[in-house]
Amino acid sequence: MADKEKKQVPLRLSKSLYDELAQWAEDDFRSLNGQIEYLLTECVKKRKKNKVRRESEDVPDAFERGGE
């Protein structure tokens, strides 16, 4: 991550989601916090990539399509 400053964000998760993420983090040899940050980073990268593709193809985003 280019920006080294970290922001603290309170996060509430259901027990089942917490348990799934904790197991996934353990499987990937990450802390739970590290796993959540990794997953969010990957989602943002994917969103940016899709946005570039949509703009180049002139495809409306989900908001313009009615929130699909």
PDB file of N, CA and C in Angstrom:
ATOM      1  N   MET A   1       0.854  -1.167   0.000  1.00  0.00           N
ATOM      2  CA  MET A   1       0.000   0.000   0.000  1.00  0.00           C
ATOM      3  C   MET A   1       0.895   1.223   0.000  1.00  0.00           C
ATOM      4  N   ALA A   2       0.646   2.172  -0.906  1.00  0.00           N
ATOM      5  CA  ALA A   2       1.479   3.357  -1.043  1.00  0.00           C
ATOM      6  C   ALA A   2       1.357   4.253   0.178  1.00  0.00           C
ATOM      7  N   ASP A   3       0.156   4.396   0.716  1.00  0.00           N
ATOM      8  CA  ASP A   3      -0.068   5.235   1.881  1.00  0.00           C
ATOM      9  C   ASP A   3       0.158   4.404   3.137  1.00  0.00           C
ATOM     10  N   LYS A   4       1.191   4.753   3.901  1.00  0.00           N
ATOM     11  CA  LYS A   4       1.545   3.962   5.089  1.00  0.00           C
ATOM     12  C   LYS A   4       0.711   4.336   6.307  1.00  0.00           C
ATOM     13  N   GLU A   5       0.029   5.485   6.254  1.00  0.00           N
ATOM     14  CA  GLU A   5      -0.803   5.883   7.382  1.00  0.00           C
ATOM     15  C   GLU A   5      -1.999   4.935   7.464  1.00  0.00           C
ATOM     16  N   LYS A   6      -2.261   4.444   8.642  1.00  0.00           N
ATOM     17  CA  LYS A   6      -3.385   3.527   8.829  1.00  0.00           C
ATOM     18  C   LYS A   6      -4.496   4.236   9.593  1.00  0.00           C
ATOM     19  N   LYS A   7      -5.707   4.005   9.196  1.00  0.00           N
ATOM     20  CA  LYS A   7      -6.886   4.526   9.880  1.00  0.00           C
ATOM     21  C   LYS A   7      -7.542   3.379  10.630  1.00  0.00           C
ATOM     22  N   GLN A   8      -8.009   3.658  11.802  1.00  0.00           N
ATOM     23  CA  GLN A   8      -8.736   2.652  12.562  1.00  0.00           C
ATOM     24  C   GLN A   8     -10.217   2.775  12.239  1.00  0.00           C
ATOM     25  N   VAL A   9     -10.838   1.631  11.988  1.00  0.00           N
ATOM     26  CA  VAL A   9     -12.247   1.598  11.628  1.00  0.00           C
ATOM     27  C   VAL A   9     -12.944   0.575  12.509  1.00  0.00           C
ATOM     28  N   PRO A  10     -13.908   1.015  13.303  1.00  0.00           N
ATOM     29  CA  PRO A  10     -14.669   0.030  14.080  1.00  0.00           C
ATOM     30  C   PRO A  10     -15.504  -0.820  13.117  1.00  0.00           C
ATOM     31  N   LEU A  11     -15.516  -2.099  13.352  1.00  0.00           N
ATOM     32  CA  LEU A  11     -16.201  -3.002  12.440  1.00  0.00           C
ATOM     33  C   LEU A  11     -16.968  -4.042  13.241  1.00  0.00           C
ATOM     34  N   ARG A  12     -18.223  -4.193  12.910  1.00  0.00           N
ATOM     35  CA  ARG A  12     -19.042  -5.212  13.561  1.00  0.00           C
ATOM     36  C   ARG A  12     -19.340  -6.300  12.546  1.00  0.00           C
ATOM     37  N   LEU A  13     -19.101  -7.526  12.944  1.00  0.00           N
ATOM     38  CA  LEU A  13     -19.334  -8.676  12.075  1.00  0.00           C
ATOM     39  C   LEU A  13     -20.204  -9.674  12.803  1.00  0.00           C
ATOM     40  N   SER A  14     -20.998 -10.415  12.052  1.00  0.00           N
ATOM     41  CA  SER A  14     -21.733 -11.511  12.665  1.00  0.00           C
ATOM     42  C   SER A  14     -20.721 -12.560  13.112  1.00  0.00           C
ATOM     43  N   LYS A  15     -21.087 -13.359  14.076  1.00  0.00           N
ATOM     44  CA  LYS A  15     -20.185 -14.395  14.565  1.00  0.00           C
ATOM     45  C   LYS A  15     -19.803 -15.348  13.445  1.00  0.00           C
ATOM     46  N   SER A  16     -20.767 -15.707  12.608  1.00  0.00           N
ATOM     47  CA  SER A  16     -20.467 -16.659  11.535  1.00  0.00           C
ATOM     48  C   SER A  16     -19.483 -16.060  10.519  1.00  0.00           C
ATOM     49  N   LEU A  17     -19.651 -14.791  10.160  1.00  0.00           N
ATOM     50  CA  LEU A  17     -18.716 -14.158   9.238  1.00  0.00           C
ATOM     51  C   LEU A  17     -17.338 -14.037   9.882  1.00  0.00           C
ATOM     52  N   TYR A  18     -17.311 -13.637  11.141  1.00  0.00           N
ATOM     53  CA  TYR A  18     -16.045 -13.538  11.869  1.00  0.00           C
ATOM     54  C   TYR A  18     -15.321 -14.885  11.855  1.00  0.00           C
ATOM     55  N   ASP A  19     -16.041 -15.946  12.169  1.00  0.00           N
ATOM     56  CA  ASP A  19     -15.438 -17.285  12.203  1.00  0.00           C
ATOM     57  C   ASP A  19     -14.900 -17.687  10.836  1.00  0.00           C
ATOM     58  N   GLU A  20     -15.658 -17.407   9.776  1.00  0.00           N
ATOM     59  CA  GLU A  20     -15.208 -17.731   8.411  1.00  0.00           C
ATOM     60  C   GLU A  20     -13.950 -16.956   8.052  1.00  0.00           C
ATOM     61  N   LEU A  21     -13.938 -15.653   8.348  1.00  0.00           N
ATOM     62  CA  LEU A  21     -12.769 -14.830   8.047  1.00  0.00           C
ATOM     63  C   LEU A  21     -11.552 -15.244   8.876  1.00  0.00           C
ATOM     64  N   ALA A  22     -11.790 -15.581  10.132  1.00  0.00           N
ATOM     65  CA  ALA A  22     -10.685 -16.011  10.995  1.00  0.00           C
ATOM     66  C   ALA A  22     -10.066 -17.306  10.473  1.00  0.00           C
ATOM     67  N   GLN A  23     -10.889 -18.229  10.028  1.00  0.00           N
ATOM     68  CA  GLN A  23     -10.374 -19.487   9.480  1.00  0.00           C
ATOM     69  C   GLN A  23      -9.623 -19.237   8.176  1.00  0.00           C
ATOM     70  N   TRP A  24     -10.181 -18.395   7.333  1.00  0.00           N
ATOM     71  CA  TRP A  24      -9.543 -18.050   6.069  1.00  0.00           C
ATOM     72  C   TRP A  24      -8.186 -17.388   6.333  1.00  0.00           C
ATOM     73  N   ALA A  25      -8.150 -16.476   7.300  1.00  0.00           N
ATOM     74  CA  ALA A  25      -6.890 -15.810   7.651  1.00  0.00           C
ATOM     75  C   ALA A  25      -5.862 -16.835   8.118  1.00  0.00           C
ATOM     76  N   GLU A  26      -6.288 -17.758   8.949  1.00  0.00           N
ATOM     77  CA  GLU A  26      -5.381 -18.804   9.430  1.00  0.00           C
ATOM     78  C   GLU A  26      -4.863 -19.646   8.263  1.00  0.00           C
ATOM     79  N   ASP A  27      -5.751 -20.003   7.353  1.00  0.00           N
ATOM     80  CA  ASP A  27      -5.358 -20.786   6.176  1.00  0.00           C
ATOM     81  C   ASP A  27      -4.315 -20.053   5.323  1.00  0.00           C
ATOM     82  N   ASP A  28      -4.431 -18.714   5.269  1.00  0.00           N
ATOM     83  CA  ASP A  28      -3.528 -17.893   4.457  1.00  0.00           C
ATOM     84  C   ASP A  28      -2.350 -17.344   5.258  1.00  0.00           C
ATOM     85  N   PHE A  29      -2.207 -17.795   6.520  1.00  0.00           N
ATOM     86  CA  PHE A  29      -1.118 -17.358   7.397  1.00  0.00           C
ATOM     87  C   PHE A  29      -1.114 -15.839   7.581  1.00  0.00           C
ATOM     88  N   ARG A  30      -2.310 -15.281   7.792  1.00  0.00           N
ATOM     89  CA  ARG A  30      -2.457 -13.847   8.054  1.00  0.00           C
ATOM     90  C   ARG A  30      -3.204 -13.658   9.358  1.00  0.00           C
ATOM     91  N   SER A  31      -3.063 -12.462   9.927  1.00  0.00           N
ATOM     92  CA  SER A  31      -3.919 -12.081  11.045  1.00  0.00           C
ATOM     93  C   SER A  31      -5.311 -11.800  10.482  1.00  0.00           C
ATOM     94  N   LEU A  32      -6.291 -11.794  11.344  1.00  0.00           N
ATOM     95  CA  LEU A  32      -7.648 -11.474  10.888  1.00  0.00           C
ATOM     96  C   LEU A  32      -7.671 -10.073  10.292  1.00  0.00           C
ATOM     97  N   ASN A  33      -7.047  -9.117  10.963  1.00  0.00           N
ATOM     98  CA  ASN A  33      -6.993  -7.752  10.449  1.00  0.00           C
ATOM     99  C   ASN A  33      -6.294  -7.713   9.083  1.00  0.00           C
ATOM    100  N   GLY A  34      -5.189  -8.428   8.967  1.00  0.00           N
ATOM    101  CA  GLY A  34      -4.462  -8.488   7.703  1.00  0.00           C
ATOM    102  C   GLY A  34      -5.293  -9.101   6.597  1.00  0.00           C
ATOM    103  N   GLN A  35      -6.077 -10.115   6.940  1.00  0.00           N
ATOM    104  CA  GLN A  35      -6.933 -10.769   5.944  1.00  0.00           C
ATOM    105  C   GLN A  35      -8.018  -9.822   5.460  1.00  0.00           C
ATOM    106  N   ILE A  36      -8.640  -9.112   6.377  1.00  0.00           N
ATOM    107  CA  ILE A  36      -9.689  -8.159   5.998  1.00  0.00           C
ATOM    108  C   ILE A  36      -9.104  -7.060   5.122  1.00  0.00           C
ATOM    109  N   GLU A  37      -7.930  -6.539   5.495  1.00  0.00           N
ATOM    110  CA  GLU A  37      -7.291  -5.504   4.694  1.00  0.00           C
ATOM    111  C   GLU A  37      -6.928  -6.043   3.305  1.00  0.00           C
ATOM    112  N   TYR A  38      -6.410  -7.261   3.248  1.00  0.00           N
ATOM    113  CA  TYR A  38      -6.066  -7.884   1.961  1.00  0.00           C
ATOM    114  C   TYR A  38      -7.313  -8.007   1.074  1.00  0.00           C
ATOM    115  N   LEU A  39      -8.399  -8.529   1.637  1.00  0.00           N
ATOM    116  CA  LEU A  39      -9.619  -8.725   0.852  1.00  0.00           C
ATOM    117  C   LEU A  39     -10.198  -7.404   0.357  1.00  0.00           C
ATOM    118  N   LEU A  40     -10.204  -6.397   1.209  1.00  0.00           N
ATOM    119  CA  LEU A  40     -10.704  -5.088   0.794  1.00  0.00           C
ATOM    120  C   LEU A  40      -9.817  -4.489  -0.299  1.00  0.00           C
ATOM    121  N   THR A  41      -8.505  -4.628  -0.164  1.00  0.00           N
ATOM    122  CA  THR A  41      -7.574  -4.128  -1.173  1.00  0.00           C
ATOM    123  C   THR A  41      -7.817  -4.801  -2.513  1.00  0.00           C
ATOM    124  N   GLU A  42      -8.007  -6.128  -2.506  1.00  0.00           N
ATOM    125  CA  GLU A  42      -8.275  -6.858  -3.747  1.00  0.00           C
ATOM    126  C   GLU A  42      -9.595  -6.410  -4.375  1.00  0.00           C
ATOM    127  N   CYS A  43     -10.607  -6.180  -3.564  1.00  0.00           N
ATOM    128  CA  CYS A  43     -11.902  -5.722  -4.090  1.00  0.00           C
ATOM    129  C   CYS A  43     -11.780  -4.345  -4.725  1.00  0.00           C
ATOM    130  N   VAL A  44     -11.019  -3.454  -4.098  1.00  0.00           N
ATOM    131  CA  VAL A  44     -10.834  -2.113  -4.659  1.00  0.00           C
ATOM    132  C   VAL A  44     -10.073  -2.199  -5.976  1.00  0.00           C
ATOM    133  N   LYS A  45      -9.042  -3.030  -6.041  1.00  0.00           N
ATOM    134  CA  LYS A  45      -8.297  -3.206  -7.298  1.00  0.00           C
ATOM    135  C   LYS A  45      -9.217  -3.718  -8.399  1.00  0.00           C
ATOM    136  N   LYS A  46     -10.040  -4.701  -8.068  1.00  0.00           N
ATOM    137  CA  LYS A  46     -10.959  -5.276  -9.051  1.00  0.00           C
ATOM    138  C   LYS A  46     -11.970  -4.231  -9.514  1.00  0.00           C
ATOM    139  N   ARG A  47     -12.464  -3.437  -8.574  1.00  0.00           N
ATOM    140  CA  ARG A  47     -13.436  -2.403  -8.916  1.00  0.00           C
ATOM    141  C   ARG A  47     -12.809  -1.381  -9.863  1.00  0.00           C
ATOM    142  N   LYS A  48     -11.567  -0.966  -9.566  1.00  0.00           N
ATOM    143  CA  LYS A  48     -10.884  -0.005 -10.434  1.00  0.00           C
ATOM    144  C   LYS A  48     -10.673  -0.588 -11.823  1.00  0.00           C
ATOM    145  N   LYS A  49     -10.268  -1.851 -11.877  1.00  0.00           N
ATOM    146  CA  LYS A  49     -10.041  -2.513 -13.158  1.00  0.00           C
ATOM    147  C   LYS A  49     -11.347  -2.575 -13.955  1.00  0.00           C
ATOM    148  N   ASN A  50     -12.437  -2.939 -13.284  1.00  0.00           N
ATOM    149  CA  ASN A  50     -13.739  -3.022 -13.949  1.00  0.00           C
ATOM    150  C   ASN A  50     -14.224  -1.644 -14.387  1.00  0.00           C
ATOM    151  N   LYS A  51     -13.924  -0.608 -13.590  1.00  0.00           N
ATOM    152  CA  LYS A  51     -14.333   0.743 -13.936  1.00  0.00           C
ATOM    153  C   LYS A  51     -13.631   1.187 -15.210  1.00  0.00           C
ATOM    154  N   VAL A  52     -12.334   0.906 -15.320  1.00  0.00           N
ATOM    155  CA  VAL A  52     -11.583   1.253 -16.529  1.00  0.00           C
ATOM    156  C   VAL A  52     -12.177   0.527 -17.723  1.00  0.00           C
ATOM    157  N   ARG A  53     -12.504  -0.749 -17.548  1.00  0.00           N
ATOM    158  CA  ARG A  53     -13.098  -1.535 -18.640  1.00  0.00           C
ATOM    159  C   ARG A  53     -14.461  -0.965 -19.023  1.00  0.00           C
ATOM    160  N   ARG A  54     -15.280  -0.650 -18.028  1.00  0.00           N
ATOM    161  CA  ARG A  54     -16.610  -0.093 -18.314  1.00  0.00           C
ATOM    162  C   ARG A  54     -16.499   1.231 -19.055  1.00  0.00           C
ATOM    163  N   GLU A  55     -15.552   2.075 -18.610  1.00  0.00           N
ATOM    164  CA  GLU A  55     -15.392   3.372 -19.270  1.00  0.00           C
ATOM    165  C   GLU A  55     -14.928   3.198 -20.707  1.00  0.00           C
ATOM    166  N   SER A  56     -14.062   2.242 -20.947  1.00  0.00           N
ATOM    167  CA  SER A  56     -13.569   2.035 -22.307  1.00  0.00           C
ATOM    168  C   SER A  56     -14.638   1.411 -23.198  1.00  0.00           C
ATOM    169  N   GLU A  57     -15.554   0.678 -22.605  1.00  0.00           N
ATOM    170  CA  GLU A  57     -16.636   0.043 -23.373  1.00  0.00           C
ATOM    171  C   GLU A  57     -17.923   0.841 -23.289  1.00  0.00           C
ATOM    172  N   ASP A  58     -17.900   1.929 -22.495  1.00  0.00           N
ATOM    173  CA  ASP A  58     -19.080   2.752 -22.285  1.00  0.00           C
ATOM    174  C   ASP A  58     -20.242   1.926 -21.746  1.00  0.00           C
ATOM    175  N   VAL A  59     -19.949   1.083 -20.759  1.00  0.00           N
ATOM    176  CA  VAL A  59     -20.954   0.251 -20.106  1.00  0.00           C
ATOM    177  C   VAL A  59     -21.368   0.943 -18.817  1.00  0.00           C
ATOM    178  N   PRO A  60     -22.664   1.141 -18.571  1.00  0.00           N
ATOM    179  CA  PRO A  60     -23.097   1.802 -17.336  1.00  0.00           C
ATOM    180  C   PRO A  60     -22.759   0.959 -16.116  1.00  0.00           C
ATOM    181  N   ASP A  61     -22.466   1.643 -15.007  1.00  0.00           N
ATOM    182  CA  ASP A  61     -22.188   0.907 -13.775  1.00  0.00           C
ATOM    183  C   ASP A  61     -23.494   0.442 -13.140  1.00  0.00           C
ATOM    184  N   ALA A  62     -23.400  -0.278 -12.038  1.00  0.00           N
ATOM    185  CA  ALA A  62     -24.588  -0.864 -11.395  1.00  0.00           C
ATOM    186  C   ALA A  62     -25.592   0.211 -10.992  1.00  0.00           C
ATOM    187  N   PHE A  63     -25.122   1.363 -10.537  1.00  0.00           N
ATOM    188  CA  PHE A  63     -26.022   2.439 -10.135  1.00  0.00           C
ATOM    189  C   PHE A  63     -26.856   2.895 -11.318  1.00  0.00           C
ATOM    190  N   GLU A  64     -26.211   3.074 -12.444  1.00  0.00           N
ATOM    191  CA  GLU A  64     -26.939   3.530 -13.640  1.00  0.00           C
ATOM    192  C   GLU A  64     -27.870   2.456 -14.190  1.00  0.00           C
ATOM    193  N   ARG A  65     -27.575   1.183 -13.878  1.00  0.00           N
ATOM    194  CA  ARG A  65     -28.424   0.085 -14.356  1.00  0.00           C
ATOM    195  C   ARG A  65     -29.554  -0.202 -13.387  1.00  0.00           C
ATOM    196  N   GLY A  66     -29.637   0.561 -12.308  1.00  0.00           N
ATOM    197  CA  GLY A  66     -30.709   0.336 -11.349  1.00  0.00           C
ATOM    198  C   GLY A  66     -30.258  -0.483 -10.153  1.00  0.00           C
ATOM    199  N   GLY A  67     -28.966  -0.510  -9.850  1.00  0.00           N
ATOM    200  CA  GLY A  67     -28.463  -1.167  -8.644  1.00  0.00           C
ATOM    201  C   GLY A  67     -28.411  -2.669  -8.705  1.00  0.00           C
ATOM    202  N   GLU A  68     -28.119  -3.235  -9.857  1.00  0.00           N
ATOM    203  CA  GLU A  68     -28.045  -4.699  -9.990  1.00  0.00           C
ATOM    204  C   GLU A  68     -27.109  -5.296  -8.990  1.00  0.00           C
TER     205      GLU A  68
END
